[in-house]
Amino acid sequence: MLKSYKHINKGTCSASVTITYDTDSHIINNVSFEYGCSGNTKGVAKLCEGRKLEEVYSLLKGTTCGRRPTSCPDQLALAIEDILKGI
């Protein structure tokens, strides 16, 4: 079953990230960021398509942006962490 989750980002140019995923297989079907660096967020979103939540989480967790302690990819990982806690 497909389900969507919206995460409000903190400390990034993007305001939020929405993930659509399959609750049984944990496969990501769609990622979309609200605002942020368009090319970068679109690229990250495309790279997530068809991958497992757990795989994307392990790849992106802890990614920083310049001097910021977080980034759009890190916020995506935090959203995935919230999803995995609830599955």
PDB file of N, CA and C in Angstrom:
ATOM      1  N   MET A   1       0.836  -1.170   0.000  1.00  0.00           N
ATOM      2  CA  MET A   1       0.000   0.000   0.000  1.00  0.00           C
ATOM      3  C   MET A   1       0.891   1.247   0.000  1.00  0.00           C
ATOM      4  N   LEU A   2       0.577   2.216  -0.859  1.00  0.00           N
ATOM      5  CA  LEU A   2       1.346   3.451  -0.903  1.00  0.00           C
ATOM      6  C   LEU A   2       0.883   4.408   0.194  1.00  0.00           C
ATOM      7  N   LYS A   3       1.851   5.074   0.789  1.00  0.00           N
ATOM      8  CA  LYS A   3       1.566   6.032   1.846  1.00  0.00           C
ATOM      9  C   LYS A   3       2.494   7.230   1.658  1.00  0.00           C
ATOM     10  N   SER A   4       2.040   8.409   2.033  1.00  0.00           N
ATOM     11  CA  SER A   4       2.871   9.614   1.960  1.00  0.00           C
ATOM     12  C   SER A   4       3.167  10.127   3.355  1.00  0.00           C
ATOM     13  N   TYR A   5       4.342  10.727   3.492  1.00  0.00           N
ATOM     14  CA  TYR A   5       4.758  11.318   4.754  1.00  0.00           C
ATOM     15  C   TYR A   5       5.379  12.678   4.448  1.00  0.00           C
ATOM     16  N   LYS A   6       4.969  13.714   5.172  1.00  0.00           N
ATOM     17  CA  LYS A   6       5.532  15.050   4.999  1.00  0.00           C
ATOM     18  C   LYS A   6       6.318  15.426   6.244  1.00  0.00           C
ATOM     19  N   HIS A   7       7.543  15.878   6.011  1.00  0.00           N
ATOM     20  CA  HIS A   7       8.457  16.271   7.092  1.00  0.00           C
ATOM     21  C   HIS A   7       8.727  17.762   6.948  1.00  0.00           C
ATOM     22  N   ILE A   8       8.573  18.520   8.013  1.00  0.00           N
ATOM     23  CA  ILE A   8       8.909  19.942   8.018  1.00  0.00           C
ATOM     24  C   ILE A   8      10.409  20.056   8.303  1.00  0.00           C
ATOM     25  N   ASN A   9      11.138  20.625   7.341  1.00  0.00           N
ATOM     26  CA  ASN A   9      12.588  20.725   7.464  1.00  0.00           C
ATOM     27  C   ASN A   9      12.999  21.835   8.419  1.00  0.00           C
ATOM     28  N   LYS A  10      14.138  21.646   9.060  1.00  0.00           N
ATOM     29  CA  LYS A  10      14.712  22.644   9.963  1.00  0.00           C
ATOM     30  C   LYS A  10      16.158  22.886   9.559  1.00  0.00           C
ATOM     31  N   GLY A  11      16.537  24.159   9.416  1.00  0.00           N
ATOM     32  CA  GLY A  11      17.928  24.501   9.140  1.00  0.00           C
ATOM     33  C   GLY A  11      18.330  24.393   7.686  1.00  0.00           C
ATOM     34  N   THR A  12      17.359  24.343   6.770  1.00  0.00           N
ATOM     35  CA  THR A  12      17.676  24.246   5.344  1.00  0.00           C
ATOM     36  C   THR A  12      16.881  25.284   4.550  1.00  0.00           C
ATOM     37  N   CYS A  13      17.275  25.470   3.297  1.00  0.00           N
ATOM     38  CA  CYS A  13      16.540  26.368   2.400  1.00  0.00           C
ATOM     39  C   CYS A  13      15.187  25.781   2.030  1.00  0.00           C
ATOM     40  N   SER A  14      15.096  24.471   1.970  1.00  0.00           N
ATOM     41  CA  SER A  14      13.812  23.846   1.654  1.00  0.00           C
ATOM     42  C   SER A  14      12.932  23.834   2.908  1.00  0.00           C
ATOM     43  N   ALA A  15      11.639  24.024   2.701  1.00  0.00           N
ATOM     44  CA  ALA A  15      10.707  24.103   3.833  1.00  0.00           C
ATOM     45  C   ALA A  15      10.251  22.730   4.307  1.00  0.00           C
ATOM     46  N   SER A  16      10.103  21.795   3.356  1.00  0.00           N
ATOM     47  CA  SER A  16       9.620  20.462   3.720  1.00  0.00           C
ATOM     48  C   SER A  16      10.016  19.459   2.654  1.00  0.00           C
ATOM     49  N   VAL A  17       9.850  18.199   2.999  1.00  0.00           N
ATOM     50  CA  VAL A  17      10.059  17.111   2.047  1.00  0.00           C
ATOM     51  C   VAL A  17       8.912  16.126   2.229  1.00  0.00           C
ATOM     52  N   THR A  18       8.378  15.647   1.103  1.00  0.00           N
ATOM     53  CA  THR A  18       7.312  14.657   1.124  1.00  0.00           C
ATOM     54  C   THR A  18       7.816  13.392   0.455  1.00  0.00           C
ATOM     55  N   ILE A  19       7.571  12.257   1.097  1.00  0.00           N
ATOM     56  CA  ILE A  19       8.008  10.957   0.581  1.00  0.00           C
ATOM     57  C   ILE A  19       6.773  10.087   0.390  1.00  0.00           C
ATOM     58  N   THR A  20       6.663   9.478  -0.779  1.00  0.00           N
ATOM     59  CA  THR A  20       5.640   8.464  -1.006  1.00  0.00           C
ATOM     60  C   THR A  20       6.369   7.135  -1.096  1.00  0.00           C
ATOM     61  N   TYR A  21       5.893   6.148  -0.348  1.00  0.00           N
ATOM     62  CA  TYR A  21       6.583   4.860  -0.261  1.00  0.00           C
ATOM     63  C   TYR A  21       5.575   3.736  -0.125  1.00  0.00           C
ATOM     64  N   ASP A  22       6.032   2.535  -0.420  1.00  0.00           N
ATOM     65  CA  ASP A  22       5.208   1.332  -0.268  1.00  0.00           C
ATOM     66  C   ASP A  22       5.411   0.807   1.146  1.00  0.00           C
ATOM     67  N   THR A  23       4.335   0.661   1.894  1.00  0.00           N
ATOM     68  CA  THR A  23       4.441   0.241   3.295  1.00  0.00           C
ATOM     69  C   THR A  23       4.921  -1.196   3.453  1.00  0.00           C
ATOM     70  N   ASP A  24       4.736  -2.034   2.445  1.00  0.00           N
ATOM     71  CA  ASP A  24       5.162  -3.434   2.541  1.00  0.00           C
ATOM     72  C   ASP A  24       6.617  -3.629   2.125  1.00  0.00           C
ATOM     73  N   SER A  25       7.008  -3.051   0.993  1.00  0.00           N
ATOM     74  CA  SER A  25       8.357  -3.269   0.465  1.00  0.00           C
ATOM     75  C   SER A  25       9.362  -2.215   0.905  1.00  0.00           C
ATOM     76  N   HIS A  26       8.876  -1.101   1.477  1.00  0.00           N
ATOM     77  CA  HIS A  26       9.722   0.030   1.886  1.00  0.00           C
ATOM     78  C   HIS A  26      10.392   0.703   0.698  1.00  0.00           C
ATOM     79  N   ILE A  27       9.849   0.537  -0.501  1.00  0.00           N
ATOM     80  CA  ILE A  27      10.405   1.157  -1.702  1.00  0.00           C
ATOM     81  C   ILE A  27       9.850   2.573  -1.847  1.00  0.00           C
ATOM     82  N   ILE A  28      10.744   3.521  -2.125  1.00  0.00           N
ATOM     83  CA  ILE A  28      10.356   4.909  -2.328  1.00  0.00           C
ATOM     84  C   ILE A  28       9.841   5.081  -3.751  1.00  0.00           C
ATOM     85  N   ASN A  29       8.669   5.685  -3.869  1.00  0.00           N
ATOM     86  CA  ASN A  29       8.066   5.929  -5.174  1.00  0.00           C
ATOM     87  C   ASN A  29       8.190   7.379  -5.610  1.00  0.00           C
ATOM     88  N   ASN A  30       8.300   8.297  -4.668  1.00  0.00           N
ATOM     89  CA  ASN A  30       8.368   9.702  -5.011  1.00  0.00           C
ATOM     90  C   ASN A  30       8.915  10.491  -3.831  1.00  0.00           C
ATOM     91  N   VAL A  31       9.775  11.458  -4.136  1.00  0.00           N
ATOM     92  CA  VAL A  31      10.274  12.404  -3.143  1.00  0.00           C
ATOM     93  C   VAL A  31      10.117  13.789  -3.750  1.00  0.00           C
ATOM     94  N   SER A  32       9.605  14.721  -2.978  1.00  0.00           N
ATOM     95  CA  SER A  32       9.528  16.098  -3.469  1.00  0.00           C
ATOM     96  C   SER A  32       9.831  17.062  -2.334  1.00  0.00           C
ATOM     97  N   PHE A  33      10.654  18.045  -2.660  1.00  0.00           N
ATOM     98  CA  PHE A  33      11.023  19.082  -1.704  1.00  0.00           C
ATOM     99  C   PHE A  33      10.236  20.341  -2.021  1.00  0.00           C
ATOM    100  N   GLU A  34       9.862  21.076  -0.988  1.00  0.00           N
ATOM    101  CA  GLU A  34       9.240  22.382  -1.158  1.00  0.00           C
ATOM    102  C   GLU A  34      10.346  23.419  -1.007  1.00  0.00           C
ATOM    103  N   TYR A  35      10.594  24.160  -2.075  1.00  0.00           N
ATOM    104  CA  TYR A  35      11.665  25.164  -2.137  1.00  0.00           C
ATOM    105  C   TYR A  35      13.033  24.472  -2.136  1.00  0.00           C
ATOM    106  N   GLY A  36      14.061  25.200  -1.756  1.00  0.00           N
ATOM    107  CA  GLY A  36      15.414  24.669  -1.781  1.00  0.00           C
ATOM    108  C   GLY A  36      16.067  24.877  -3.140  1.00  0.00           C
ATOM    109  N   CYS A  37      17.265  24.367  -3.301  1.00  0.00           N
ATOM    110  CA  CYS A  37      18.019  24.466  -4.560  1.00  0.00           C
ATOM    111  C   CYS A  37      17.405  23.484  -5.547  1.00  0.00           C
ATOM    112  N   SER A  38      16.699  23.999  -6.519  1.00  0.00           N
ATOM    113  CA  SER A  38      15.887  23.181  -7.414  1.00  0.00           C
ATOM    114  C   SER A  38      16.641  22.010  -8.040  1.00  0.00           C
ATOM    115  N   GLY A  39      17.779  22.273  -8.637  1.00  0.00           N
ATOM    116  CA  GLY A  39      18.534  21.201  -9.292  1.00  0.00           C
ATOM    117  C   GLY A  39      18.994  20.135  -8.315  1.00  0.00           C
ATOM    118  N   ASN A  40      19.488  20.566  -7.167  1.00  0.00           N
ATOM    119  CA  ASN A  40      19.974  19.610  -6.171  1.00  0.00           C
ATOM    120  C   ASN A  40      18.844  18.759  -5.601  1.00  0.00           C
ATOM    121  N   THR A  41      17.739  19.402  -5.231  1.00  0.00           N
ATOM    122  CA  THR A  41      16.650  18.632  -4.629  1.00  0.00           C
ATOM    123  C   THR A  41      15.993  17.708  -5.652  1.00  0.00           C
ATOM    124  N   LYS A  42      15.897  18.155  -6.909  1.00  0.00           N
ATOM    125  CA  LYS A  42      15.355  17.275  -7.954  1.00  0.00           C
ATOM    126  C   LYS A  42      16.287  16.090  -8.191  1.00  0.00           C
ATOM    127  N   GLY A  43      17.587  16.342  -8.161  1.00  0.00           N
ATOM    128  CA  GLY A  43      18.559  15.264  -8.347  1.00  0.00           C
ATOM    129  C   GLY A  43      18.496  14.240  -7.225  1.00  0.00           C
ATOM    130  N   VAL A  44      18.451  14.716  -5.991  1.00  0.00           N
ATOM    131  CA  VAL A  44      18.343  13.809  -4.838  1.00  0.00           C
ATOM    132  C   VAL A  44      17.062  12.995  -4.950  1.00  0.00           C
ATOM    133  N   ALA A  45      15.967  13.664  -5.308  1.00  0.00           N
ATOM    134  CA  ALA A  45      14.675  12.973  -5.430  1.00  0.00           C
ATOM    135  C   ALA A  45      14.742  11.862  -6.471  1.00  0.00           C
ATOM    136  N   LYS A  46      15.347  12.128  -7.628  1.00  0.00           N
ATOM    137  CA  LYS A  46      15.456  11.112  -8.682  1.00  0.00           C
ATOM    138  C   LYS A  46      16.307   9.928  -8.242  1.00  0.00           C
ATOM    139  N   LEU A  47      17.364  10.202  -7.501  1.00  0.00           N
ATOM    140  CA  LEU A  47      18.240   9.123  -7.032  1.00  0.00           C
ATOM    141  C   LEU A  47      17.568   8.218  -6.006  1.00  0.00           C
ATOM    142  N   CYS A  48      16.528   8.716  -5.351  1.00  0.00           N
ATOM    143  CA  CYS A  48      15.811   7.933  -4.344  1.00  0.00           C
ATOM    144  C   CYS A  48      14.793   6.979  -4.949  1.00  0.00           C
ATOM    145  N   GLU A  49      14.288   7.295  -6.133  1.00  0.00           N
ATOM    146  CA  GLU A  49      13.246   6.497  -6.779  1.00  0.00           C
ATOM    147  C   GLU A  49      13.627   5.023  -6.857  1.00  0.00           C
ATOM    148  N   GLY A  50      12.732   4.153  -6.395  1.00  0.00           N
ATOM    149  CA  GLY A  50      12.937   2.715  -6.500  1.00  0.00           C
ATOM    150  C   GLY A  50      13.874   2.118  -5.465  1.00  0.00           C
ATOM    151  N   ARG A  51      14.409   2.923  -4.580  1.00  0.00           N
ATOM    152  CA  ARG A  51      15.314   2.418  -3.537  1.00  0.00           C
ATOM    153  C   ARG A  51      14.546   2.204  -2.236  1.00  0.00           C
ATOM    154  N   LYS A  52      15.096   1.360  -1.403  1.00  0.00           N
ATOM    155  CA  LYS A  52      14.489   1.094  -0.093  1.00  0.00           C
ATOM    156  C   LYS A  52      14.746   2.270   0.854  1.00  0.00           C
ATOM    157  N   LEU A  53      13.783   2.506   1.714  1.00  0.00           N
ATOM    158  CA  LEU A  53      13.914   3.557   2.718  1.00  0.00           C
ATOM    159  C   LEU A  53      15.222   3.410   3.497  1.00  0.00           C
ATOM    160  N   GLU A  54      15.529   2.205   3.913  1.00  0.00           N
ATOM    161  CA  GLU A  54      16.718   1.945   4.730  1.00  0.00           C
ATOM    162  C   GLU A  54      18.008   2.296   3.983  1.00  0.00           C
ATOM    163  N   GLU A  55      18.057   1.995   2.693  1.00  0.00           N
ATOM    164  CA  GLU A  55      19.241   2.283   1.886  1.00  0.00           C
ATOM    165  C   GLU A  55      19.453   3.790   1.768  1.00  0.00           C
ATOM    166  N   VAL A  56      18.392   4.519   1.441  1.00  0.00           N
ATOM    167  CA  VAL A  56      18.498   5.968   1.288  1.00  0.00           C
ATOM    168  C   VAL A  56      18.872   6.614   2.619  1.00  0.00           C
ATOM    169  N   TYR A  57      18.290   6.133   3.698  1.00  0.00           N
ATOM    170  CA  TYR A  57      18.621   6.654   5.025  1.00  0.00           C
ATOM    171  C   TYR A  57      20.119   6.523   5.296  1.00  0.00           C
ATOM    172  N   SER A  58      20.665   5.345   5.068  1.00  0.00           N
ATOM    173  CA  SER A  58      22.084   5.124   5.376  1.00  0.00           C
ATOM    174  C   SER A  58      23.006   5.945   4.475  1.00  0.00           C
ATOM    175  N   LEU A  59      22.575   6.238   3.264  1.00  0.00           N
ATOM    176  CA  LEU A  59      23.389   7.042   2.347  1.00  0.00           C
ATOM    177  C   LEU A  59      23.380   8.530   2.703  1.00  0.00           C
ATOM    178  N   LEU A  60      22.268   9.044   3.176  1.00  0.00           N
ATOM    179  CA  LEU A  60      22.100  10.487   3.327  1.00  0.00           C
ATOM    180  C   LEU A  60      22.258  11.026   4.741  1.00  0.00           C
ATOM    181  N   LYS A  61      22.080  10.199   5.753  1.00  0.00           N
ATOM    182  CA  LYS A  61      22.133  10.658   7.146  1.00  0.00           C
ATOM    183  C   LYS A  61      23.474  11.319   7.434  1.00  0.00           C
ATOM    184  N   GLY A  62      23.407  12.526   8.000  1.00  0.00           N
ATOM    185  CA  GLY A  62      24.624  13.227   8.407  1.00  0.00           C
ATOM    186  C   GLY A  62      25.229  14.131   7.342  1.00  0.00           C
ATOM    187  N   THR A  63      24.624  14.201   6.164  1.00  0.00           N
ATOM    188  CA  THR A  63      25.120  15.075   5.102  1.00  0.00           C
ATOM    189  C   THR A  63      24.926  16.528   5.531  1.00  0.00           C
ATOM    190  N   THR A  64      25.961  17.341   5.397  1.00  0.00           N
ATOM    191  CA  THR A  64      25.864  18.745   5.773  1.00  0.00           C
ATOM    192  C   THR A  64      25.910  19.632   4.536  1.00  0.00           C
ATOM    193  N   CYS A  65      25.545  20.904   4.724  1.00  0.00           N
ATOM    194  CA  CYS A  65      25.542  21.882   3.639  1.00  0.00           C
ATOM    195  C   CYS A  65      26.329  23.099   4.115  1.00  0.00           C
ATOM    196  N   GLY A  66      27.522  23.278   3.571  1.00  0.00           N
ATOM    197  CA  GLY A  66      28.362  24.398   4.006  1.00  0.00           C
ATOM    198  C   GLY A  66      28.636  24.318   5.493  1.00  0.00           C
ATOM    199  N   ARG A  67      28.372  25.396   6.186  1.00  0.00           N
ATOM    200  CA  ARG A  67      28.599  25.447   7.642  1.00  0.00           C
ATOM    201  C   ARG A  67      27.406  24.938   8.441  1.00  0.00           C
ATOM    202  N   ARG A  68      26.331  24.634   7.755  1.00  0.00           N
ATOM    203  CA  ARG A  68      25.128  24.148   8.444  1.00  0.00           C
ATOM    204  C   ARG A  68      25.350  22.714   8.934  1.00  0.00           C
ATOM    205  N   PRO A  69      24.785  22.371  10.077  1.00  0.00           N
ATOM    206  CA  PRO A  69      24.935  21.009  10.590  1.00  0.00           C
ATOM    207  C   PRO A  69      23.996  20.008   9.923  1.00  0.00           C
ATOM    208  N   THR A  70      23.193  20.466   8.954  1.00  0.00           N
ATOM    209  CA  THR A  70      22.234  19.620   8.254  1.00  0.00           C
ATOM    210  C   THR A  70      22.207  20.022   6.785  1.00  0.00           C
ATOM    211  N   SER A  71      21.337  19.386   6.019  1.00  0.00           N
ATOM    212  CA  SER A  71      21.168  19.670   4.595  1.00  0.00           C
ATOM    213  C   SER A  71      19.818  19.124   4.161  1.00  0.00           C
ATOM    214  N   CYS A  72      19.437  19.398   2.932  1.00  0.00           N
ATOM    215  CA  CYS A  72      18.191  18.813   2.418  1.00  0.00           C
ATOM    216  C   CYS A  72      18.266  17.280   2.417  1.00  0.00           C
ATOM    217  N   PRO A  73      19.374  16.675   1.965  1.00  0.00           N
ATOM    218  CA  PRO A  73      19.465  15.212   2.048  1.00  0.00           C
ATOM    219  C   PRO A  73      19.404  14.692   3.483  1.00  0.00           C
ATOM    220  N   ASP A  74      20.019  15.398   4.419  1.00  0.00           N
ATOM    221  CA  ASP A  74      19.965  14.984   5.825  1.00  0.00           C
ATOM    222  C   ASP A  74      18.540  15.089   6.358  1.00  0.00           C
ATOM    223  N   GLN A  75      17.807  16.127   5.972  1.00  0.00           N
ATOM    224  CA  GLN A  75      16.421  16.258   6.395  1.00  0.00           C
ATOM    225  C   GLN A  75      15.572  15.129   5.817  1.00  0.00           C
ATOM    226  N   LEU A  76      15.877  14.720   4.587  1.00  0.00           N
ATOM    227  CA  LEU A  76      15.203  13.566   3.994  1.00  0.00           C
ATOM    228  C   LEU A  76      15.484  12.317   4.825  1.00  0.00           C
ATOM    229  N   ALA A  77      16.726  12.148   5.247  1.00  0.00           N
ATOM    230  CA  ALA A  77      17.074  11.001   6.097  1.00  0.00           C
ATOM    231  C   ALA A  77      16.308  11.049   7.422  1.00  0.00           C
ATOM    232  N   LEU A  78      16.152  12.236   7.993  1.00  0.00           N
ATOM    233  CA  LEU A  78      15.394  12.361   9.242  1.00  0.00           C
ATOM    234  C   LEU A  78      13.927  12.015   9.024  1.00  0.00           C
ATOM    235  N   ALA A  79      13.382  12.394   7.869  1.00  0.00           N
ATOM    236  CA  ALA A  79      11.999  12.024   7.543  1.00  0.00           C
ATOM    237  C   ALA A  79      11.877  10.506   7.446  1.00  0.00           C
ATOM    238  N   ILE A  80      12.846   9.876   6.790  1.00  0.00           N
ATOM    239  CA  ILE A  80      12.841   8.416   6.657  1.00  0.00           C
ATOM    240  C   ILE A  80      12.964   7.762   8.030  1.00  0.00           C
ATOM    241  N   GLU A  81      13.784   8.328   8.889  1.00  0.00           N
ATOM    242  CA  GLU A  81      13.923   7.805  10.253  1.00  0.00           C
ATOM    243  C   GLU A  81      12.568   7.821  10.965  1.00  0.00           C
ATOM    244  N   ASP A  82      11.815   8.905  10.815  1.00  0.00           N
ATOM    245  CA  ASP A  82      10.478   8.992  11.412  1.00  0.00           C
ATOM    246  C   ASP A  82       9.560   7.912  10.844  1.00  0.00           C
ATOM    247  N   ILE A  83       9.631   7.710   9.530  1.00  0.00           N
ATOM    248  CA  ILE A  83       8.805   6.684   8.881  1.00  0.00           C
ATOM    249  C   ILE A  83       9.155   5.304   9.437  1.00  0.00           C
ATOM    250  N   LEU A  84      10.434   4.995   9.509  1.00  0.00           N
ATOM    251  CA  LEU A  84      10.866   3.671   9.952  1.00  0.00           C
ATOM    252  C   LEU A  84      10.486   3.413  11.414  1.00  0.00           C
ATOM    253  N   LYS A  85      10.470   4.437  12.213  1.00  0.00           N
ATOM    254  CA  LYS A  85      10.037   4.274  13.606  1.00  0.00           C
ATOM    255  C   LYS A  85       8.564   3.908  13.692  1.00  0.00           C
ATOM    256  N   GLY A  86       7.785   4.380  12.702  1.00  0.00           N
ATOM    257  CA  GLY A  86       6.356   4.137  12.717  1.00  0.00           C
ATOM    258  C   GLY A  86       5.903   2.892  11.990  1.00  0.00           C
ATOM    259  N   ILE A  87       6.827   2.232  11.277  1.00  0.00           N
ATOM    260  CA  ILE A  87       6.460   1.020  10.516  1.00  0.00           C
ATOM    261  C   ILE A  87       6.526  -0.195  11.416  1.00  0.00           C
TER     262      ILE A  87
END
